[in-house]
Protein backbone atom coordinates (compact mmCIF):
# COMPACT_ATOMS: atom_id res chain seq x y z
CA ALA A 1 112.37 -82.75 19.96
CA GLU A 2 115.98 -83.01 21.01
CA ARG A 3 118.03 -85.99 19.84
CA GLY A 4 116.91 -89.17 21.54
CA ILE A 5 114.60 -92.18 21.48
CA GLU A 6 111.52 -89.95 21.80
CA MET A 7 112.44 -88.15 18.58
CA ILE A 8 112.59 -91.44 16.65
CA VAL A 9 109.37 -92.71 18.25
CA GLY A 10 107.69 -89.45 17.26
CA LEU A 11 108.75 -89.76 13.61
CA LEU A 12 107.59 -93.37 13.39
CA ALA A 13 104.30 -92.52 15.13
CA ILE A 14 103.54 -89.80 12.56
CA LEU A 15 104.29 -92.13 9.64
CA LYS A 16 102.33 -95.01 11.22
CA ALA A 17 99.33 -92.71 11.64
CA GLY A 18 99.47 -91.83 7.95
CA GLY A 19 100.87 -88.33 8.36
CA ALA A 20 104.00 -86.56 7.16
CA TYR A 21 106.56 -85.16 9.58
CA VAL A 22 108.00 -81.65 9.61
CA PRO A 23 111.24 -81.75 11.65
CA LEU A 24 111.57 -78.78 14.03
CA ASP A 25 115.08 -78.65 15.48
CA PRO A 26 114.90 -76.82 18.85
CA THR A 27 118.34 -75.31 18.20
CA TYR A 28 116.85 -73.26 15.32
CA PRO A 29 115.94 -69.58 15.91
CA GLN A 30 112.44 -69.07 17.28
CA ASP A 31 111.22 -66.96 14.36
CA ARG A 32 112.36 -69.62 11.90
CA LEU A 33 110.50 -72.34 13.81
CA ALA A 34 107.42 -70.13 13.95
CA TYR A 35 107.54 -69.58 10.18
CA MET A 36 107.96 -73.30 9.46
CA MET A 37 105.00 -74.22 11.67
CA GLN A 38 102.81 -71.52 10.13
CA ASP A 39 103.85 -72.19 6.53
CA SER A 40 103.55 -75.97 6.75
CA GLY A 41 100.05 -75.78 8.22
CA ILE A 42 100.74 -78.43 10.87
CA GLN A 43 97.76 -79.52 12.95
CA LEU A 44 99.58 -81.50 15.62
CA LEU A 45 102.87 -80.76 17.36
CA LEU A 46 104.72 -83.68 18.97
CA ALA A 47 107.13 -82.26 21.53
CA GLN A 48 109.04 -82.95 24.71
CA ALA A 49 107.54 -81.27 27.78
CA SER A 50 110.76 -79.41 28.51
CA LEU A 51 110.59 -77.64 25.13
CA THR A 52 106.93 -76.63 24.91
CA GLY A 53 107.38 -73.39 26.86
CA GLN A 54 109.92 -72.03 24.39
CA LEU A 55 108.10 -72.94 21.15
CA PRO A 56 106.00 -70.32 19.31
CA VAL A 57 103.03 -72.65 18.70
CA PRO A 58 100.45 -71.18 16.26
CA ASP A 59 96.81 -70.89 17.30
CA GLY A 60 94.78 -73.99 16.58
CA VAL A 61 97.72 -76.40 16.76
CA LYS A 62 97.33 -79.21 19.28
CA THR A 63 100.34 -80.43 21.26
CA LEU A 64 101.03 -84.05 22.19
CA LEU A 65 103.81 -84.63 24.71
CA LEU A 66 106.27 -87.33 23.68
CA ASP A 67 107.33 -87.99 27.27
CA THR A 68 103.81 -88.48 28.64
CA ASP A 69 102.39 -91.65 30.23
CA VAL A 70 101.23 -93.79 27.30
CA SER A 71 99.45 -96.48 29.34
CA ALA A 72 96.05 -94.89 28.60
CA PHE A 73 96.56 -95.10 24.85
CA ALA A 74 95.63 -98.04 22.61
CA ASP A 75 98.45 -100.43 21.72
CA SER A 76 96.75 -101.90 18.65
CA ASP A 77 97.59 -101.28 15.01
CA PRO A 78 95.67 -98.14 13.91
CA GLN A 79 94.91 -99.87 10.56
CA VAL A 80 95.75 -96.75 8.56
CA VAL A 81 96.36 -97.51 4.89
CA VAL A 82 99.46 -95.71 3.69
CA ASP A 83 100.32 -95.71 0.00
CA PRO A 84 103.91 -95.33 -1.28
CA SER A 85 102.84 -92.09 -2.95
CA ASN A 86 101.72 -90.55 0.36
CA LEU A 87 103.82 -87.74 1.76
CA ALA A 88 106.48 -88.86 4.27
CA TYR A 89 108.21 -85.63 5.27
CA VAL A 90 108.57 -81.93 4.54
CA ILE A 91 112.10 -80.63 5.07
CA TYR A 92 112.75 -76.89 4.88
CA THR A 93 115.78 -75.55 3.06
CA SER A 94 117.08 -72.01 2.82
CA GLY A 95 115.22 -69.71 0.42
CA SER A 96 116.54 -66.85 -1.73
CA THR A 97 113.52 -64.68 -0.83
CA GLY A 98 114.45 -64.60 2.85
CA ASN A 99 112.17 -67.42 4.02
CA PRO A 100 112.90 -71.18 3.91
CA LYS A 101 110.94 -73.38 1.52
CA GLY A 102 109.42 -76.78 2.28
CA THR A 103 110.39 -79.71 0.03
CA LEU A 104 107.79 -82.49 -0.32
CA LEU A 105 109.03 -86.11 -0.28
CA ALA A 106 106.88 -89.25 -0.48
CA HIS A 107 107.40 -92.73 1.01
CA HIS A 108 108.44 -94.26 -2.31
CA ASN A 109 111.30 -91.76 -2.63
CA ILE A 110 113.01 -93.22 0.44
CA LEU A 111 112.19 -96.86 -0.29
CA ARG A 112 113.57 -96.73 -3.84
CA LEU A 113 116.76 -95.04 -2.58
CA PHE A 114 117.67 -98.14 -0.55
CA VAL A 115 116.46 -100.63 -3.16
CA ALA A 116 118.55 -98.95 -5.86
CA THR A 117 121.72 -98.75 -3.73
CA GLU A 118 121.45 -102.26 -2.26
CA PRO A 119 123.90 -103.87 -4.74
CA TRP A 120 126.61 -101.42 -3.69
CA PHE A 121 126.25 -101.71 0.09
CA GLY A 122 124.53 -104.90 1.22
CA PHE A 123 123.24 -103.30 4.43
CA GLY A 124 121.74 -105.67 6.99
CA PRO A 125 120.84 -106.29 10.64
CA GLN A 126 124.53 -106.59 11.49
CA ASP A 127 125.11 -102.90 10.79
CA VAL A 128 125.30 -100.15 13.41
CA TRP A 129 124.50 -96.70 12.00
CA SER A 130 125.31 -93.42 13.71
CA LEU A 131 122.66 -90.67 13.65
CA PHE A 132 125.10 -87.77 13.58
CA HIS A 133 123.08 -85.06 11.85
CA SER A 134 120.10 -82.92 12.80
CA TYR A 135 116.84 -84.52 11.73
CA ALA A 136 116.04 -81.22 10.00
CA PHE A 137 118.90 -82.03 7.57
CA ASP A 138 117.92 -84.67 5.00
CA PHE A 139 121.17 -86.64 5.48
CA SER A 140 119.37 -87.90 8.61
CA VAL A 141 116.76 -89.67 6.42
CA TRP A 142 119.55 -91.90 5.07
CA GLU A 143 120.88 -92.51 8.60
CA ILE A 144 117.56 -93.21 10.36
CA PHE A 145 115.81 -95.31 7.75
CA GLY A 146 119.00 -96.96 6.53
CA ALA A 147 119.29 -98.54 9.96
CA LEU A 148 115.62 -99.27 10.63
CA LEU A 149 114.63 -100.59 7.19
CA HIS A 150 117.45 -103.15 7.32
CA GLY A 151 116.91 -104.21 10.94
CA GLY A 152 120.14 -102.58 12.02
CA GLU A 153 121.01 -100.60 15.13
CA LEU A 154 120.70 -96.80 15.21
CA LEU A 155 123.12 -95.03 17.53
CA ILE A 156 121.78 -91.55 18.35
CA VAL A 157 124.80 -89.30 18.81
CA PRO A 158 124.22 -86.64 21.49
CA TYR A 159 124.58 -83.10 20.17
CA ASP A 160 127.55 -82.24 22.42
CA VAL A 161 129.35 -85.44 21.37
CA SER A 162 128.80 -84.61 17.68
CA ARG A 163 130.72 -81.38 18.28
CA SER A 164 133.68 -83.11 19.96
CA PRO A 165 135.76 -85.19 17.51
CA GLN A 166 137.51 -87.08 20.31
CA GLU A 167 134.30 -87.99 22.13
CA PHE A 168 132.68 -88.95 18.85
CA LEU A 169 135.59 -91.23 17.96
CA ASP A 170 135.38 -92.84 21.41
CA LEU A 171 131.67 -93.49 20.84
CA LEU A 172 132.24 -94.91 17.34
CA CYS A 173 134.81 -97.37 18.62
CA ASP A 174 132.91 -98.37 21.77
CA ALA A 175 129.58 -98.87 19.95
CA GLY A 176 131.08 -100.72 16.97
CA VAL A 177 129.61 -98.36 14.36
CA THR A 178 129.81 -99.89 10.88
CA VAL A 179 128.13 -97.18 8.77
CA LEU A 180 129.32 -93.61 9.30
CA ASN A 181 127.82 -90.72 7.34
CA GLN A 182 129.63 -87.40 7.34
CA THR A 183 129.85 -84.03 5.68
CA PRO A 184 133.49 -83.54 4.57
CA SER A 185 133.94 -80.63 7.00
CA ALA A 186 132.90 -82.78 9.97
CA PHE A 187 135.00 -85.75 8.83
CA LYS A 188 138.10 -83.55 8.49
CA GLN A 189 138.02 -82.91 12.24
CA LEU A 190 137.32 -86.56 13.05
CA MET A 191 140.10 -87.74 10.72
CA HIS A 192 142.77 -85.75 12.53
CA VAL A 193 141.82 -87.44 15.82
CA ALA A 194 141.36 -90.94 14.36
CA CYS A 195 144.70 -90.95 12.55
CA THR A 196 146.59 -90.45 15.83
CA ASP A 197 144.54 -93.05 17.75
CA SER A 198 145.78 -96.63 17.99
CA ARG A 199 142.38 -98.26 18.53
CA ALA A 200 140.69 -100.34 15.86
CA ASN A 201 137.21 -99.53 14.60
CA ALA A 202 134.41 -101.62 13.07
CA LEU A 203 133.62 -99.28 10.18
CA ARG A 204 132.55 -100.85 6.86
CA TYR A 205 131.57 -97.64 5.10
CA VAL A 206 132.15 -93.91 5.45
CA VAL A 207 129.64 -92.08 3.24
CA PHE A 208 130.26 -88.44 2.37
CA GLY A 209 127.47 -86.05 1.43
CA GLY A 210 126.05 -82.60 1.97
CA GLU A 211 128.92 -80.59 0.50
CA ALA A 212 131.84 -80.79 -1.92
CA LEU A 213 134.59 -83.25 -1.03
CA ASP A 214 138.26 -82.48 -1.71
CA VAL A 215 139.58 -86.02 -2.21
CA LYS A 216 143.21 -84.98 -1.69
CA SER A 217 142.36 -83.99 1.88
CA LEU A 218 141.84 -87.71 2.64
CA ARG A 219 145.53 -88.61 2.26
CA PRO A 220 146.17 -88.89 6.04
CA TRP A 221 143.23 -91.31 6.36
CA PHE A 222 144.39 -93.52 3.49
CA GLU A 223 147.93 -93.58 4.89
CA ARG A 224 146.63 -94.68 8.31
CA PHE A 225 143.75 -97.05 7.38
CA GLY A 226 144.16 -97.88 3.69
CA ASP A 227 141.28 -97.61 1.23
CA SER A 228 139.30 -100.84 1.65
CA ALA A 229 138.40 -101.23 5.34
CA PRO A 230 136.45 -99.04 5.63
CA GLN A 231 135.43 -98.13 2.10
CA LEU A 232 135.12 -94.36 1.66
CA ILE A 233 132.31 -93.30 -0.70
CA ASN A 234 131.39 -89.90 -2.10
CA MET A 235 127.64 -89.46 -2.68
CA TYR A 236 126.58 -86.16 -4.20
CA GLY A 237 122.95 -85.32 -3.48
CA ILE A 238 120.22 -82.78 -2.85
CA THR A 239 117.08 -82.64 -0.70
CA GLU A 240 114.91 -82.33 -3.82
CA THR A 241 116.29 -85.60 -5.23
CA THR A 242 116.02 -87.63 -1.99
CA VAL A 243 119.37 -87.36 -0.19
CA HIS A 244 121.73 -89.00 -2.73
CA VAL A 245 122.15 -88.86 -6.50
CA THR A 246 125.53 -90.45 -7.20
CA TYR A 247 127.95 -93.09 -5.94
CA ARG A 248 131.75 -92.91 -6.14
CA PRO A 249 133.94 -95.33 -4.12
CA LEU A 250 137.27 -93.69 -3.33
CA SER A 251 140.73 -95.20 -3.35
CA VAL A 252 144.35 -94.18 -2.93
CA ALA A 253 144.56 -93.82 -6.71
CA ASP A 254 142.09 -90.92 -6.53
CA LEU A 255 144.72 -88.85 -4.75
CA GLU A 256 146.56 -88.60 -8.07
CA LEU A 257 143.51 -87.52 -10.09
CA ASP A 258 143.39 -84.01 -11.47
CA ALA A 259 139.72 -83.90 -10.45
CA SER A 260 139.48 -82.56 -6.90
CA SER A 261 135.85 -83.62 -6.32
CA PRO A 262 134.73 -86.57 -8.51
CA ILE A 263 131.07 -87.35 -7.87
CA GLY A 264 130.76 -90.73 -9.58
CA GLU A 265 127.89 -92.42 -11.38
CA PRO A 266 124.15 -91.83 -10.90
CA ILE A 267 122.08 -94.23 -8.81
CA ALA A 268 120.50 -96.78 -11.17
CA ASP A 269 116.94 -95.42 -11.07
CA LEU A 270 118.03 -91.81 -11.71
CA SER A 271 119.12 -89.97 -14.84
CA TRP A 272 121.38 -86.95 -15.01
CA TYR A 273 122.57 -84.53 -17.64
CA LEU A 274 125.12 -81.75 -17.91
CA LEU A 275 123.37 -79.07 -19.97
CA ASP A 276 124.06 -75.58 -21.27
CA GLY A 277 121.69 -72.61 -21.07
CA GLU A 278 119.65 -73.94 -24.02
CA LEU A 279 119.27 -77.41 -22.42
CA ASN A 280 121.77 -78.96 -24.84
CA PRO A 281 124.24 -81.56 -23.50
CA VAL A 282 127.74 -80.11 -23.12
CA ALA A 283 130.76 -81.75 -24.72
CA LYS A 284 133.55 -83.45 -22.80
CA GLY A 285 135.87 -80.92 -21.22
CA CYS A 286 133.08 -78.36 -20.87
CA ILE A 287 131.22 -77.14 -17.78
CA GLY A 288 127.45 -77.37 -17.59
CA GLU A 289 124.61 -77.26 -15.10
CA LEU A 290 123.60 -80.59 -13.59
CA TYR A 291 120.00 -81.76 -14.08
CA VAL A 292 118.58 -84.87 -12.36
CA GLY A 293 115.57 -86.93 -13.43
CA ARG A 294 113.41 -90.00 -12.82
CA ALA A 295 112.64 -91.81 -9.56
CA GLY A 296 114.10 -89.64 -6.81
CA LEU A 297 112.49 -86.29 -7.56
CA ALA A 298 110.38 -84.56 -4.91
CA ARG A 299 106.81 -83.50 -5.62
CA GLY A 300 108.01 -79.90 -5.49
CA TYR A 301 107.86 -77.08 -2.95
CA LEU A 302 104.99 -76.60 -0.50
CA LYS A 303 102.73 -73.68 -1.55
CA ARG A 304 105.37 -72.54 -4.06
CA GLY A 305 104.01 -73.44 -7.47
CA ASP A 306 106.10 -70.69 -9.10
CA LEU A 307 109.36 -71.99 -7.71
CA THR A 308 108.37 -75.62 -8.37
CA ALA A 309 107.77 -74.80 -12.05
CA LEU A 310 111.11 -72.99 -12.24
CA ARG A 311 113.20 -75.78 -10.71
CA PHE A 312 111.26 -78.90 -11.81
CA ILE A 313 111.07 -78.63 -15.58
CA PRO A 314 109.75 -80.94 -18.34
CA ASP A 315 112.38 -83.54 -19.29
CA PRO A 316 113.28 -82.99 -22.97
CA PHE A 317 114.97 -86.41 -23.06
CA GLY A 318 112.35 -88.46 -21.21
CA GLU A 319 108.84 -89.78 -21.69
CA SER A 320 105.78 -87.55 -21.75
CA GLY A 321 105.22 -86.07 -18.29
CA ALA A 322 108.78 -86.76 -17.10
CA ARG A 323 110.57 -84.03 -15.15
CA LEU A 324 114.11 -82.85 -14.52
CA TYR A 325 115.30 -81.05 -11.40
CA ARG A 326 117.55 -78.11 -12.10
CA THR A 327 120.17 -78.38 -9.34
CA GLY A 328 121.99 -75.07 -9.82
CA ASP A 329 125.24 -77.05 -9.46
CA LEU A 330 127.99 -76.78 -12.04
CA ALA A 331 130.02 -79.82 -13.06
CA GLN A 332 132.58 -80.68 -15.71
CA TYR A 333 132.42 -83.74 -17.94
CA ARG A 334 136.15 -84.41 -18.15
CA SER A 335 137.88 -86.02 -21.10
CA ASP A 336 138.73 -89.07 -18.95
CA GLY A 337 135.01 -89.67 -18.31
CA VAL A 338 135.06 -88.42 -14.72
CA ILE A 339 132.37 -85.90 -13.75
CA GLU A 340 133.77 -83.34 -11.33
CA TYR A 341 131.78 -80.98 -9.13
CA ILE A 342 132.77 -77.38 -9.85
CA GLY A 343 130.51 -75.09 -7.81
CA ARG A 344 127.24 -73.16 -7.92
CA ILE A 345 125.57 -71.25 -10.73
CA ASP A 346 124.13 -68.83 -8.14
CA HIS A 347 125.17 -67.45 -4.75
CA GLN A 348 124.11 -70.41 -2.63
CA VAL A 349 126.73 -71.60 -0.13
CA LYS A 350 127.12 -74.62 2.13
CA ILE A 351 127.86 -74.36 5.85
CA ARG A 352 128.47 -77.75 7.52
CA GLY A 353 126.27 -79.31 4.84
CA PHE A 354 123.36 -76.89 5.25
CA ARG A 355 122.29 -74.97 2.14
CA ILE A 356 122.30 -71.25 2.80
CA GLU A 357 120.88 -68.76 0.32
CA LEU A 358 122.67 -65.43 0.68
CA GLY A 359 119.32 -63.75 -0.06
CA GLU A 360 118.10 -65.03 3.30
CA ILE A 361 121.09 -63.49 5.08
CA GLU A 362 120.58 -60.25 3.14
CA ALA A 363 116.91 -60.16 4.17
CA ARG A 364 117.88 -60.68 7.81
CA LEU A 365 120.47 -57.89 7.71
CA ASN A 366 118.00 -55.49 6.07
């Protein structure tokens, strides 16, 4: 589905019926969509009528049109019992073998994310959230359910507007958006427009995620708006650990830090470690690989037991049966106590927040 009310209705319908959703962004290449539908084993495709002719629907998959006349359908509660451990969504991320891999997330992963971050944010029905990102990018989970779970308003940003910083700023101001979520690369473009605009905005929070943030690049914003209204927050995270892992409120003082990308403290129900190749904690001043544990971890990868075992390992510091997710991200535990993001241990790159494995590009070129 394209961005719009029907897309949100479709997601909620799937969850209400006890199913898990696989987001299929119509802007994706056809062969990628075909692979995701085949690999995920979907049985039902919810789609807008205008898109059905261009989708490579596998044999045996039924299609339900989102923009059909619903008057013939029942309007009663389907009485489906959904447990917090049931699967909520499968989001595909780039794979080093040339094909994307599906990450399995349950209902409790999303619920505990908002419970654990509540003391920091105090979200409520007064908030207006912008849905800026593709629903095939897990940052959208934070945007969609952050608004709906708290009774807030969800502003669905049209795709063309999301690509025009000036139009997006106009929309933010006109709609009174209070919670803005951005990849640093997208915010950089918006910041240049906002800093030359005289209008006031209603923003309470700007939450960064999806890619490394260079804090020093925020100087023009701090000079124009200060550092308290809105509060700018860096939240490092990964699809496999349910959107966000850390929380770091930013201030003018951070412009003078030696650390270019401080990622803050872990969310209360998560654990994290900087480890060397032998899974020993690294000393202050040293660089290690970041491992994340406890509540936010995904089940693993769909139909990829080998990769699941490689990336989700037994937690040597936790209780029996506990797991750690090996992020592949390098960070430095600085002598001043700040943990700074350094880069990748492999050849993965980020493009506008999307994880891209160079192996997938290599496979395509070959």
